[in-house]
Amino acid sequence: MSKLGFKRTEVAGDKTIFAHVLETALGGFALDITGLTKGDKIVAGTAFSYDEATRLAKPDSVNPKGLLYEDVVIDDNTSVDIVLRGTVYARRIPALTDALKAKMAQIIFSQSK
């Protein structure tokens, strides 16, 4: 646990999600667990939004700003990183509509396996 009280739980992933990460949202964010179930897992590549003022981030299937960098287990004070620019293996992440992908124009959704 860090001095700020954030927790990071290592979650073993079975595949590489990102081919390249060029930029993440600076400073990291705490997971907003409102409406989420503690102990559940959110997988890397899930569409996320964040609030710079509150430093909270949450899954967002309407107006995402980026993709979750790595799998996380939902708990109090869980820290998350959001990828803003890079290349992701689209076949290895949760399905996203073309409209959502268009809102994250700085992310390349590669069809490579």
C-alpha atoms as a PDB file:
ATOM      1  CA  MET A   1       0.000   0.000   0.000  1.00  0.00           C
ATOM      2  CA  SER A   2       1.337   3.421  -0.895  1.00  0.00           C
ATOM      3  CA  LYS A   3       1.577   6.417   1.403  1.00  0.00           C
ATOM      4  CA  LEU A   4      -1.579   7.825  -0.212  1.00  0.00           C
ATOM      5  CA  GLY A   5      -3.583   4.726   0.723  1.00  0.00           C
ATOM      6  CA  PHE A   6      -4.010   3.325  -2.789  1.00  0.00           C
ATOM      7  CA  LYS A   7      -4.000  -0.429  -3.292  1.00  0.00           C
ATOM      8  CA  ARG A   8      -2.636  -2.313  -6.260  1.00  0.00           C
ATOM      9  CA  THR A   9      -3.656  -5.937  -6.581  1.00  0.00           C
ATOM     10  CA  GLU A  10      -1.707  -8.028  -9.065  1.00  0.00           C
ATOM     11  CA  VAL A  11      -4.084  -9.855 -11.371  1.00  0.00           C
ATOM     12  CA  ALA A  12      -2.559 -12.508 -13.581  1.00  0.00           C
ATOM     13  CA  GLY A  13      -3.511 -11.803 -17.189  1.00  0.00           C
ATOM     14  CA  ASP A  14      -3.296 -14.530 -19.786  1.00  0.00           C
ATOM     15  CA  LYS A  15      -2.537 -12.367 -22.813  1.00  0.00           C
ATOM     16  CA  THR A  16      -0.872  -9.174 -23.925  1.00  0.00           C
ATOM     17  CA  ILE A  17      -3.469  -6.475 -24.620  1.00  0.00           C
ATOM     18  CA  PHE A  18      -1.396  -3.511 -25.798  1.00  0.00           C
ATOM     19  CA  ALA A  19       1.163  -3.681 -28.597  1.00  0.00           C
ATOM     20  CA  HIS A  20       2.365  -0.148 -27.806  1.00  0.00           C
ATOM     21  CA  VAL A  21       1.457   2.385 -25.131  1.00  0.00           C
ATOM     22  CA  LEU A  22       2.460   5.908 -26.072  1.00  0.00           C
ATOM     23  CA  GLU A  23       0.601   7.903 -23.410  1.00  0.00           C
ATOM     24  CA  THR A  24      -1.400   7.325 -20.254  1.00  0.00           C
ATOM     25  CA  ALA A  25      -3.426   9.887 -18.321  1.00  0.00           C
ATOM     26  CA  LEU A  26      -0.953  11.566 -15.989  1.00  0.00           C
ATOM     27  CA  GLY A  27      -0.962  10.854 -12.289  1.00  0.00           C
ATOM     28  CA  GLY A  28      -3.110   7.764 -12.216  1.00  0.00           C
ATOM     29  CA  PHE A  29      -6.596   7.604 -10.799  1.00  0.00           C
ATOM     30  CA  ALA A  30      -8.573   5.876  -8.076  1.00  0.00           C
ATOM     31  CA  LEU A  31     -11.289   3.513  -9.278  1.00  0.00           C
ATOM     32  CA  ASP A  32     -14.772   4.937  -8.677  1.00  0.00           C
ATOM     33  CA  ILE A  33     -16.535   1.853  -7.305  1.00  0.00           C
ATOM     34  CA  THR A  34     -20.025   3.399  -7.323  1.00  0.00           C
ATOM     35  CA  GLY A  35     -22.370   0.769  -8.746  1.00  0.00           C
ATOM     36  CA  LEU A  36     -19.586  -1.843  -9.000  1.00  0.00           C
ATOM     37  CA  THR A  37     -19.242  -5.056  -6.972  1.00  0.00           C
ATOM     38  CA  LYS A  38     -16.170  -5.426  -4.791  1.00  0.00           C
ATOM     39  CA  GLY A  39     -14.127  -8.466  -5.695  1.00  0.00           C
ATOM     40  CA  ASP A  40     -15.196  -8.486  -9.356  1.00  0.00           C
ATOM     41  CA  LYS A  41     -12.530  -8.070 -12.025  1.00  0.00           C
ATOM     42  CA  ILE A  42     -12.420  -5.407 -14.743  1.00  0.00           C
ATOM     43  CA  VAL A  43     -10.318  -6.551 -17.683  1.00  0.00           C
ATOM     44  CA  ALA A  44      -7.656  -4.553 -19.484  1.00  0.00           C
ATOM     45  CA  GLY A  45      -8.945  -2.783 -22.566  1.00  0.00           C
ATOM     46  CA  THR A  46     -12.266  -1.826 -20.981  1.00  0.00           C
ATOM     47  CA  ALA A  47     -13.429   1.644 -22.048  1.00  0.00           C
ATOM     48  CA  PHE A  48     -12.905   4.160 -19.218  1.00  0.00           C
ATOM     49  CA  SER A  49     -13.489   7.810 -18.424  1.00  0.00           C
ATOM     50  CA  TYR A  50     -11.915   9.868 -15.661  1.00  0.00           C
ATOM     51  CA  ASP A  51     -12.314  13.175 -13.846  1.00  0.00           C
ATOM     52  CA  GLU A  52      -9.175  15.302 -13.454  1.00  0.00           C
ATOM     53  CA  ALA A  53     -10.673  17.252 -10.523  1.00  0.00           C
ATOM     54  CA  THR A  54     -11.683  14.276  -8.373  1.00  0.00           C
ATOM     55  CA  ARG A  55      -8.951  11.901  -9.693  1.00  0.00           C
ATOM     56  CA  LEU A  56     -11.597   9.162 -10.063  1.00  0.00           C
ATOM     57  CA  ALA A  57     -11.982   6.841 -13.059  1.00  0.00           C
ATOM     58  CA  LYS A  58     -14.778   4.454 -14.014  1.00  0.00           C
ATOM     59  CA  PRO A  59     -15.860   2.107 -16.797  1.00  0.00           C
ATOM     60  CA  ASP A  60     -17.737   4.128 -19.417  1.00  0.00           C
ATOM     61  CA  SER A  61     -19.559   2.718 -22.426  1.00  0.00           C
ATOM     62  CA  VAL A  62     -20.917   6.110 -23.540  1.00  0.00           C
ATOM     63  CA  ASN A  63     -18.125   8.731 -23.512  1.00  0.00           C
ATOM     64  CA  PRO A  64     -14.815   6.995 -22.807  1.00  0.00           C
ATOM     65  CA  LYS A  65     -11.527   8.866 -22.801  1.00  0.00           C
ATOM     66  CA  GLY A  66      -9.298   5.797 -23.012  1.00  0.00           C
ATOM     67  CA  LEU A  67      -8.788   2.136 -22.177  1.00  0.00           C
ATOM     68  CA  LEU A  68      -7.904   0.460 -18.896  1.00  0.00           C
ATOM     69  CA  TYR A  69      -4.210  -0.471 -18.981  1.00  0.00           C
ATOM     70  CA  GLU A  70      -4.313  -3.655 -16.903  1.00  0.00           C
ATOM     71  CA  ASP A  71      -6.824  -5.961 -15.219  1.00  0.00           C
ATOM     72  CA  VAL A  72      -7.975  -4.770 -11.774  1.00  0.00           C
ATOM     73  CA  VAL A  73     -10.000  -6.239  -8.942  1.00  0.00           C
ATOM     74  CA  ILE A  74     -12.676  -3.871  -7.655  1.00  0.00           C
ATOM     75  CA  ASP A  75     -11.922  -2.711  -4.111  1.00  0.00           C
ATOM     76  CA  ASP A  76     -11.644   0.502  -2.114  1.00  0.00           C
ATOM     77  CA  ASN A  77      -8.734   2.750  -3.156  1.00  0.00           C
ATOM     78  CA  THR A  78      -7.791   0.673  -6.209  1.00  0.00           C
ATOM     79  CA  SER A  79      -5.535   2.626  -8.554  1.00  0.00           C
ATOM     80  CA  VAL A  80      -5.974   2.433 -12.324  1.00  0.00           C
ATOM     81  CA  ASP A  81      -4.074   3.712 -15.353  1.00  0.00           C
ATOM     82  CA  ILE A  82      -5.870   4.853 -18.489  1.00  0.00           C
ATOM     83  CA  VAL A  83      -4.216   4.557 -21.908  1.00  0.00           C
ATOM     84  CA  LEU A  84      -4.887   7.603 -24.090  1.00  0.00           C
ATOM     85  CA  ARG A  85      -2.589   6.874 -27.061  1.00  0.00           C
ATOM     86  CA  GLY A  86      -1.268   3.572 -28.330  1.00  0.00           C
ATOM     87  CA  THR A  87      -2.071   0.361 -30.166  1.00  0.00           C
ATOM     88  CA  VAL A  88      -4.310  -2.330 -28.721  1.00  0.00           C
ATOM     89  CA  TYR A  89      -5.030  -5.834 -30.009  1.00  0.00           C
ATOM     90  CA  ALA A  90      -8.760  -5.316 -30.619  1.00  0.00           C
ATOM     91  CA  ARG A  91      -9.545  -9.054 -30.642  1.00  0.00           C
ATOM     92  CA  ARG A  92      -8.226  -9.406 -27.080  1.00  0.00           C
ATOM     93  CA  ILE A  93     -10.332  -6.741 -25.379  1.00  0.00           C
ATOM     94  CA  PRO A  94     -14.044  -6.434 -24.608  1.00  0.00           C
ATOM     95  CA  ALA A  95     -15.998  -5.642 -27.780  1.00  0.00           C
ATOM     96  CA  LEU A  96     -16.344  -1.931 -28.527  1.00  0.00           C
ATOM     97  CA  THR A  97     -18.669  -0.341 -31.054  1.00  0.00           C
ATOM     98  CA  ASP A  98     -17.249   1.685 -33.920  1.00  0.00           C
ATOM     99  CA  ALA A  99     -18.834   4.776 -32.345  1.00  0.00           C
ATOM    100  CA  LEU A 100     -16.889   4.216 -29.100  1.00  0.00           C
ATOM    101  CA  LYS A 101     -13.656   3.567 -30.982  1.00  0.00           C
ATOM    102  CA  ALA A 102     -14.149   6.863 -32.829  1.00  0.00           C
ATOM    103  CA  LYS A 103     -14.255   8.693 -29.470  1.00  0.00           C
ATOM    104  CA  MET A 104     -10.753   7.362 -28.745  1.00  0.00           C
ATOM    105  CA  ALA A 105      -9.136   8.492 -31.990  1.00  0.00           C
ATOM    106  CA  GLN A 106      -5.589   8.313 -30.581  1.00  0.00           C
ATOM    107  CA  ILE A 107      -5.873   4.563 -30.005  1.00  0.00           C
ATOM    108  CA  ILE A 108      -5.215   2.184 -32.901  1.00  0.00           C
ATOM    109  CA  PHE A 109      -7.398  -0.927 -32.760  1.00  0.00           C
ATOM    110  CA  SER A 110      -5.218  -3.542 -34.469  1.00  0.00           C
ATOM    111  CA  GLN A 111      -6.846  -6.690 -35.863  1.00  0.00           C
ATOM    112  CA  SER A 112      -3.600  -8.646 -35.441  1.00  0.00           C
ATOM    113  CA  LYS A 113      -3.813 -11.744 -33.312  1.00  0.00           C
END
